[in-house]
Protein backbone atom coordinates (compact mmCIF):
# COMPACT_ATOMS: atom_id res chain seq x y z
CA UNK A 1 -129.75 10.29 -128.43
CA UNK A 2 -132.15 11.17 -131.15
CA UNK A 3 -130.82 14.45 -133.57
CA UNK A 4 -133.03 16.90 -133.31
CA UNK A 5 -134.09 18.57 -137.37
CA UNK A 6 -133.71 22.06 -137.84
CA UNK A 7 -137.02 22.59 -139.31
CA UNK A 8 -139.06 21.15 -136.33
CA UNK A 9 -137.80 23.27 -134.04
CA UNK A 10 -140.72 25.38 -131.89
CA UNK A 11 -140.72 28.88 -133.85
CA UNK A 12 -144.06 30.34 -130.67
CA UNK A 13 -141.17 31.39 -128.14
CA UNK A 14 -140.54 34.26 -127.95
CA UNK A 15 -142.09 37.49 -129.63
CA UNK A 16 -140.97 38.40 -132.87
CA UNK A 17 -138.24 40.85 -134.39
CA UNK A 18 -141.27 43.22 -136.58
CA UNK A 19 -143.12 42.81 -133.45
CA UNK A 20 -140.38 44.23 -131.38
CA UNK A 21 -139.61 46.80 -134.30
CA UNK A 22 -143.28 47.87 -134.73
CA UNK A 23 -143.74 48.61 -130.63
CA UNK A 24 -140.86 50.11 -130.53
CA UNK A 25 -141.44 52.65 -132.97
CA UNK A 26 -145.01 53.65 -132.35
CA UNK A 27 -143.65 54.01 -128.48
CA UNK A 28 -141.44 56.83 -129.77
CA UNK A 29 -144.00 58.01 -131.73
CA UNK A 30 -146.81 58.35 -128.76
CA UNK A 31 -143.22 59.97 -126.82
CA UNK A 32 -143.04 63.01 -129.37
CA UNK A 33 -146.85 63.18 -129.51
CA UNK A 34 -146.89 64.22 -125.82
CA UNK A 35 -144.19 66.41 -125.96
CA UNK A 36 -146.03 68.22 -128.25
CA UNK A 37 -143.17 67.00 -131.64
CA UNK A 38 -144.63 65.85 -134.89
CA UNK A 39 -143.06 63.65 -137.33
CA UNK A 40 -143.61 64.00 -140.61
CA UNK A 41 -143.30 61.53 -143.80
CA UNK A 42 -142.99 62.85 -147.40
CA UNK A 43 -144.31 60.98 -150.43
CA UNK A 44 -143.15 61.48 -153.46
CA UNK A 45 -146.13 60.28 -156.30
CA UNK A 46 -146.29 61.32 -160.09
CA UNK A 47 -144.71 64.42 -158.87
CA UNK A 48 -147.16 64.93 -156.26
CA UNK A 49 -146.14 65.26 -152.90
CA UNK A 50 -148.16 63.76 -150.32
CA UNK A 51 -147.24 64.74 -146.82
CA UNK A 52 -148.25 62.34 -143.69
CA UNK A 53 -148.05 63.43 -139.69
CA UNK A 54 -147.06 60.39 -138.00
CA UNK A 55 -147.92 61.72 -134.91
CA UNK A 56 -152.23 61.93 -135.69
CA UNK A 57 -153.42 59.45 -134.17
CA UNK A 58 -155.57 57.82 -136.81
CA UNK A 59 -152.52 56.86 -138.69
CA UNK A 60 -151.40 54.45 -135.64
CA UNK A 61 -154.02 53.13 -134.94
CA UNK A 62 -155.42 51.63 -137.93
CA UNK A 63 -152.08 49.83 -138.04
CA UNK A 64 -153.03 48.57 -134.61
CA UNK A 65 -156.18 47.48 -135.09
CA UNK A 66 -154.49 45.46 -137.91
CA UNK A 67 -151.67 44.07 -135.91
CA UNK A 68 -154.05 42.59 -133.14
CA UNK A 69 -156.82 40.98 -135.75
CA UNK A 70 -153.72 39.78 -137.52
CA UNK A 71 -151.50 38.10 -133.93
CA UNK A 72 -155.80 36.67 -132.56
CA UNK A 73 -155.56 35.12 -136.46
CA UNK A 74 -151.84 33.45 -135.97
CA UNK A 75 -153.01 32.36 -132.27
CA UNK A 76 -156.57 31.22 -132.63
CA UNK A 77 -154.86 29.09 -136.22
CA UNK A 78 -152.03 28.12 -134.57
CA UNK A 79 -153.93 26.55 -131.65
CA UNK A 80 -157.06 24.45 -133.87
CA UNK A 81 -154.93 23.65 -136.91
CA UNK A 82 -151.22 23.35 -135.76
CA UNK A 83 -150.46 19.28 -135.62
CA UNK A 84 -148.44 18.32 -132.59
CA UNK A 85 -148.17 19.15 -128.83
CA UNK A 86 -150.57 22.01 -127.64
């Protein structure tokens, strides 16, 4: 029987934890928007407060698009440039 190298395990099984957390947060924001609740984040930079409403559609469509692009590029990279089994 061969001893398995811990670094050679397949990592493509399942969904990453950061993606699950992002999805859960996004679903929470959509539900709060449907209920009419507003979620705000305040960031102070140089003494100037900036307020962002997280339930605005514009706020989370851009990160969703960037995550989709990341997933597609990672998938393509794995399909075309990953050595070993496919």
